[in-house]
């Protein structure tokens, strides 16, 4: 389908034209992104595009294809490393009230960051509205 563009404001930074606008997504995101060309917002060329995150999503502009990609943050869980694990009740399948689990030494429970992934094809992003965008170009 397509993006809805609202609240366009035009300005000039030195020798560059600047357009601020809001975009809203629809109910069926296409793989590869939603089309948003410089011409859609009143420019002939975009040299820089900044898109603010919204509703837990992050966005990136694909300059080659003139599209806005919706991304969802992800985290890669690091493998847990430990030298010693002691469970108080040796026959227990699960630790329950009154039992304990002791982990010593090199236990690691941190989550390592990973690059965001594009949302899936046909994802409903219709609740993602008023996404702030700044285009710089001519």
C-alpha atoms as a PDB file:
ATOM      1  CA  UNK A   1       0.000   0.000   0.000  1.00  0.00           C
ATOM      2  CA  UNK A   2       1.618   3.329   0.907  1.00  0.00           C
ATOM      3  CA  UNK A   3       2.669   5.908   3.450  1.00  0.00           C
ATOM      4  CA  UNK A   4       0.518   8.884   4.349  1.00  0.00           C
ATOM      5  CA  UNK A   5       2.497  12.139   4.435  1.00  0.00           C
ATOM      6  CA  UNK A   6       1.242  15.052   6.555  1.00  0.00           C
ATOM      7  CA  UNK A   7       2.429  18.273   8.213  1.00  0.00           C
ATOM      8  CA  UNK A   8       4.984  19.247   5.565  1.00  0.00           C
ATOM      9  CA  UNK A   9       7.156  22.205   6.496  1.00  0.00           C
ATOM     10  CA  UNK A  10       9.747  23.656   4.121  1.00  0.00           C
ATOM     11  CA  UNK A  11      12.910  25.488   5.143  1.00  0.00           C
ATOM     12  CA  UNK A  12      16.432  26.261   3.933  1.00  0.00           C
ATOM     13  CA  UNK A  13      19.750  25.356   5.601  1.00  0.00           C
ATOM     14  CA  UNK A  14      22.479  27.286   3.799  1.00  0.00           C
ATOM     15  CA  UNK A  15      22.322  26.079   0.201  1.00  0.00           C
ATOM     16  CA  UNK A  16      20.125  23.043   0.965  1.00  0.00           C
ATOM     17  CA  UNK A  17      16.352  22.732   1.030  1.00  0.00           C
ATOM     18  CA  UNK A  18      14.882  20.999   4.050  1.00  0.00           C
ATOM     19  CA  UNK A  19      11.509  19.346   4.427  1.00  0.00           C
ATOM     20  CA  UNK A  20      10.067  18.222   7.747  1.00  0.00           C
ATOM     21  CA  UNK A  21       7.020  15.970   7.663  1.00  0.00           C
ATOM     22  CA  UNK A  22       5.163  13.213   9.453  1.00  0.00           C
ATOM     23  CA  UNK A  23       4.534   9.808   7.931  1.00  0.00           C
ATOM     24  CA  UNK A  24       2.028   7.141   8.888  1.00  0.00           C
ATOM     25  CA  UNK A  25       2.167   3.504   7.870  1.00  0.00           C
ATOM     26  CA  UNK A  26      -0.715   1.361   6.654  1.00  0.00           C
ATOM     27  CA  UNK A  27      -1.906  -2.150   7.440  1.00  0.00           C
ATOM     28  CA  UNK A  28       0.389  -4.107   5.104  1.00  0.00           C
ATOM     29  CA  UNK A  29       4.124  -3.344   5.195  1.00  0.00           C
ATOM     30  CA  UNK A  30       5.945  -4.659   2.087  1.00  0.00           C
ATOM     31  CA  UNK A  31       9.314  -6.410   2.391  1.00  0.00           C
ATOM     32  CA  UNK A  32      12.027  -3.943   1.382  1.00  0.00           C
ATOM     33  CA  UNK A  33      10.184  -0.885   2.668  1.00  0.00           C
ATOM     34  CA  UNK A  34       7.535   1.675   1.829  1.00  0.00           C
ATOM     35  CA  UNK A  35       8.239   4.020  -1.076  1.00  0.00           C
ATOM     36  CA  UNK A  36       9.078   7.606  -0.071  1.00  0.00           C
ATOM     37  CA  UNK A  37      10.793   9.475  -2.885  1.00  0.00           C
ATOM     38  CA  UNK A  38      12.233  12.988  -2.683  1.00  0.00           C
ATOM     39  CA  UNK A  39       9.514  13.987  -5.176  1.00  0.00           C
ATOM     40  CA  UNK A  40       6.815  12.800  -2.742  1.00  0.00           C
ATOM     41  CA  UNK A  41       7.827  15.542  -0.326  1.00  0.00           C
ATOM     42  CA  UNK A  42       8.797  18.295  -2.767  1.00  0.00           C
ATOM     43  CA  UNK A  43      12.510  17.734  -3.451  1.00  0.00           C
ATOM     44  CA  UNK A  44      14.360  16.499  -6.513  1.00  0.00           C
ATOM     45  CA  UNK A  45      17.256  14.875  -4.587  1.00  0.00           C
ATOM     46  CA  UNK A  46      17.645  13.723  -0.980  1.00  0.00           C
ATOM     47  CA  UNK A  47      21.189  13.932   0.385  1.00  0.00           C
ATOM     48  CA  UNK A  48      20.284  13.179   4.006  1.00  0.00           C
ATOM     49  CA  UNK A  49      17.189  11.654   5.617  1.00  0.00           C
ATOM     50  CA  UNK A  50      16.606  11.339   9.351  1.00  0.00           C
ATOM     51  CA  UNK A  51      13.642   9.340  10.639  1.00  0.00           C
ATOM     52  CA  UNK A  52      12.779   9.282  14.341  1.00  0.00           C
ATOM     53  CA  UNK A  53      11.868   6.023  16.046  1.00  0.00           C
ATOM     54  CA  UNK A  54       8.219   5.544  16.966  1.00  0.00           C
ATOM     55  CA  UNK A  55       6.095   2.936  18.759  1.00  0.00           C
ATOM     56  CA  UNK A  56       9.149   0.766  19.494  1.00  0.00           C
ATOM     57  CA  UNK A  57      10.257   0.619  15.858  1.00  0.00           C
ATOM     58  CA  UNK A  58      13.374   2.143  14.320  1.00  0.00           C
ATOM     59  CA  UNK A  59      13.487   3.275  10.701  1.00  0.00           C
ATOM     60  CA  UNK A  60      16.156   3.569   8.055  1.00  0.00           C
ATOM     61  CA  UNK A  61      16.071   5.220   4.663  1.00  0.00           C
ATOM     62  CA  UNK A  62      17.168   3.201   1.638  1.00  0.00           C
ATOM     63  CA  UNK A  63      18.672   5.912  -0.605  1.00  0.00           C
ATOM     64  CA  UNK A  64      19.155   3.555  -3.565  1.00  0.00           C
ATOM     65  CA  UNK A  65      15.498   2.509  -3.727  1.00  0.00           C
ATOM     66  CA  UNK A  66      13.903   5.590  -2.065  1.00  0.00           C
ATOM     67  CA  UNK A  67      12.169   3.539   0.612  1.00  0.00           C
ATOM     68  CA  UNK A  68      11.596   3.679   4.366  1.00  0.00           C
ATOM     69  CA  UNK A  69      12.407   0.399   6.082  1.00  0.00           C
ATOM     70  CA  UNK A  70      10.707  -0.428   9.383  1.00  0.00           C
ATOM     71  CA  UNK A  71      13.003  -2.288  11.734  1.00  0.00           C
ATOM     72  CA  UNK A  72      12.438  -3.949  15.069  1.00  0.00           C
ATOM     73  CA  UNK A  73      15.227  -4.019  17.655  1.00  0.00           C
ATOM     74  CA  UNK A  74      16.591  -7.471  18.434  1.00  0.00           C
ATOM     75  CA  UNK A  75      18.987  -8.932  20.926  1.00  0.00           C
ATOM     76  CA  UNK A  76      21.101 -12.026  20.573  1.00  0.00           C
ATOM     77  CA  UNK A  77      21.215 -14.025  23.789  1.00  0.00           C
ATOM     78  CA  UNK A  78      24.751 -14.948  24.691  1.00  0.00           C
ATOM     79  CA  UNK A  79      25.372 -18.543  25.677  1.00  0.00           C
ATOM     80  CA  UNK A  80      25.436 -18.980  29.440  1.00  0.00           C
ATOM     81  CA  UNK A  81      28.890 -19.976  30.650  1.00  0.00           C
ATOM     82  CA  UNK A  82      29.512 -21.364  34.090  1.00  0.00           C
ATOM     83  CA  UNK A  83      32.160 -23.338  35.935  1.00  0.00           C
ATOM     84  CA  UNK A  84      29.914 -24.718  38.651  1.00  0.00           C
ATOM     85  CA  UNK A  85      26.203 -25.219  39.228  1.00  0.00           C
ATOM     86  CA  UNK A  86      24.845 -26.724  42.435  1.00  0.00           C
ATOM     87  CA  UNK A  87      21.176 -27.594  42.893  1.00  0.00           C
ATOM     88  CA  UNK A  88      20.183 -28.174  46.514  1.00  0.00           C
ATOM     89  CA  UNK A  89      17.695 -30.985  45.843  1.00  0.00           C
ATOM     90  CA  UNK A  90      19.514 -33.280  43.403  1.00  0.00           C
ATOM     91  CA  UNK A  91      16.383 -35.050  42.151  1.00  0.00           C
ATOM     92  CA  UNK A  92      14.482 -31.888  41.245  1.00  0.00           C
ATOM     93  CA  UNK A  93      13.483 -31.258  37.642  1.00  0.00           C
ATOM     94  CA  UNK A  94      12.638 -27.652  38.433  1.00  0.00           C
ATOM     95  CA  UNK A  95      13.696 -25.407  41.257  1.00  0.00           C
ATOM     96  CA  UNK A  96      10.691 -24.663  43.467  1.00  0.00           C
ATOM     97  CA  UNK A  97      10.019 -22.916  46.767  1.00  0.00           C
ATOM     98  CA  UNK A  98      12.524 -23.933  49.403  1.00  0.00           C
ATOM     99  CA  UNK A  99      15.125 -25.146  46.911  1.00  0.00           C
ATOM    100  CA  UNK A 100      18.104 -23.207  45.651  1.00  0.00           C
ATOM    101  CA  UNK A 101      20.475 -22.988  42.742  1.00  0.00           C
ATOM    102  CA  UNK A 102      24.018 -21.763  43.345  1.00  0.00           C
ATOM    103  CA  UNK A 103      26.106 -20.593  40.400  1.00  0.00           C
ATOM    104  CA  UNK A 104      29.751 -19.708  40.965  1.00  0.00           C
ATOM    105  CA  UNK A 105      32.688 -18.293  39.051  1.00  0.00           C
ATOM    106  CA  UNK A 106      32.275 -17.394  35.379  1.00  0.00           C
ATOM    107  CA  UNK A 107      28.481 -17.323  35.087  1.00  0.00           C
ATOM    108  CA  UNK A 108      27.419 -14.919  32.348  1.00  0.00           C
ATOM    109  CA  UNK A 109      23.827 -13.779  31.932  1.00  0.00           C
ATOM    110  CA  UNK A 110      24.242 -10.627  29.814  1.00  0.00           C
ATOM    111  CA  UNK A 111      22.372 -10.133  26.561  1.00  0.00           C
ATOM    112  CA  UNK A 112      24.528  -9.025  23.646  1.00  0.00           C
ATOM    113  CA  UNK A 113      23.094  -6.407  21.313  1.00  0.00           C
ATOM    114  CA  UNK A 114      22.452  -7.241  17.679  1.00  0.00           C
ATOM    115  CA  UNK A 115      21.447  -5.307  14.579  1.00  0.00           C
ATOM    116  CA  UNK A 116      17.727  -4.627  14.115  1.00  0.00           C
ATOM    117  CA  UNK A 117      15.722  -6.835  11.750  1.00  0.00           C
ATOM    118  CA  UNK A 118      13.234  -5.618   9.144  1.00  0.00           C
ATOM    119  CA  UNK A 119       9.632  -6.321  10.126  1.00  0.00           C
ATOM    120  CA  UNK A 120       7.953  -9.123   8.222  1.00  0.00           C
ATOM    121  CA  UNK A 121       6.075  -8.795   4.952  1.00  0.00           C
ATOM    122  CA  UNK A 122       2.435  -7.671   5.409  1.00  0.00           C
ATOM    123  CA  UNK A 123       3.016  -6.588   9.035  1.00  0.00           C
ATOM    124  CA  UNK A 124       0.214  -4.272  10.161  1.00  0.00           C
ATOM    125  CA  UNK A 125       1.886  -0.962  11.103  1.00  0.00           C
ATOM    126  CA  UNK A 126      -1.307   1.119  10.873  1.00  0.00           C
ATOM    127  CA  UNK A 127      -0.919   2.132  14.534  1.00  0.00           C
ATOM    128  CA  UNK A 128       2.486   3.693  13.718  1.00  0.00           C
ATOM    129  CA  UNK A 129       1.576   7.302  12.971  1.00  0.00           C
ATOM    130  CA  UNK A 130       3.203  10.729  13.328  1.00  0.00           C
ATOM    131  CA  UNK A 131       6.687   9.402  12.534  1.00  0.00           C
ATOM    132  CA  UNK A 132       8.923  12.498  12.290  1.00  0.00           C
ATOM    133  CA  UNK A 133      11.056  12.742   9.134  1.00  0.00           C
ATOM    134  CA  UNK A 134      13.626  15.332   8.002  1.00  0.00           C
ATOM    135  CA  UNK A 135      14.776  15.396   4.366  1.00  0.00           C
ATOM    136  CA  UNK A 136      17.755  17.539   3.317  1.00  0.00           C
ATOM    137  CA  UNK A 137      18.424  17.962  -0.377  1.00  0.00           C
ATOM    138  CA  UNK A 138      17.547  20.157  -3.328  1.00  0.00           C
END
